[in-house]
Amino acid sequence: MTLAHDVPVIGRAAAREQETKHHAEQCSKAMRTVADHAVDVGDCRELLEMLGLDATHR
């Protein structure tokens, strides 16, 4: 088992970057799904807000 403090700094930075990219992709997919199921723009905005997603930051 590798402990976090045993991972080289470069490895941590790469892992953080990969996690940030994955999070952005998941948010993008969630926003598209919400947009596909929303009745109108107001509904979409409200649903995104409920999920804590901001459509202006992609």
Protein backbone atom coordinates (compact mmCIF):
# COMPACT_ATOMS: atom_id res chain seq x y z
CA MET A 1 0.00 0.00 0.00
CA THR A 2 1.32 3.43 -0.94
CA LEU A 3 0.66 6.25 1.45
CA ALA A 4 0.00 9.78 0.22
CA HIS A 5 3.18 11.10 1.82
CA ASP A 6 5.19 8.43 -0.06
CA VAL A 7 3.98 9.62 -3.46
CA PRO A 8 6.38 11.99 -5.23
CA VAL A 9 5.20 15.59 -5.58
CA ILE A 10 5.09 15.21 -9.37
CA GLY A 11 2.85 12.17 -8.96
CA ARG A 12 0.51 14.11 -6.70
CA ALA A 13 0.37 17.00 -9.16
CA ALA A 14 -0.43 14.63 -12.03
CA ALA A 15 -3.09 12.89 -9.96
CA ARG A 16 -4.61 16.25 -8.99
CA GLU A 17 -4.64 17.34 -12.63
CA GLN A 18 -6.25 14.07 -13.69
CA GLU A 19 -8.91 14.40 -10.97
CA THR A 20 -9.62 18.01 -11.99
CA LYS A 21 -10.05 16.92 -15.61
CA HIS A 22 -12.31 14.03 -14.60
CA HIS A 23 -14.44 16.35 -12.43
CA ALA A 24 -14.83 18.83 -15.30
CA GLU A 25 -15.89 16.03 -17.65
CA GLN A 26 -18.45 14.73 -15.14
CA CYS A 27 -19.88 18.22 -14.61
CA SER A 28 -20.12 18.72 -18.36
CA LYS A 29 -21.99 15.43 -18.78
CA ALA A 30 -24.34 16.32 -15.93
CA MET A 31 -25.07 19.73 -17.44
CA ARG A 32 -25.85 18.19 -20.83
CA THR A 33 -28.14 15.62 -19.23
CA VAL A 34 -29.99 18.33 -17.30
CA ALA A 35 -30.29 20.48 -20.43
CA ASP A 36 -31.67 17.52 -22.40
CA HIS A 37 -34.38 16.92 -19.80
CA ALA A 38 -35.25 20.51 -18.88
CA VAL A 39 -38.54 21.98 -20.04
CA ASP A 40 -37.09 25.42 -20.78
CA VAL A 41 -34.13 27.66 -19.99
CA GLY A 42 -35.50 28.66 -16.58
CA ASP A 43 -36.06 25.02 -15.65
CA CYS A 44 -32.55 24.16 -16.78
CA ARG A 45 -31.02 26.98 -14.75
CA GLU A 46 -32.98 25.98 -11.65
CA LEU A 47 -32.04 22.30 -11.96
CA LEU A 48 -28.36 23.14 -12.47
CA GLU A 49 -28.48 25.37 -9.41
CA MET A 50 -30.01 22.54 -7.36
CA LEU A 51 -27.09 20.33 -8.37
CA GLY A 52 -24.58 23.02 -7.53
CA LEU A 53 -23.51 23.34 -11.16
CA ASP A 54 -22.81 26.70 -12.77
CA ALA A 55 -23.46 26.71 -16.50
CA THR A 56 -21.26 29.78 -16.97
CA HIS A 57 -18.12 27.89 -15.83
CA ARG A 58 -17.38 25.09 -18.25
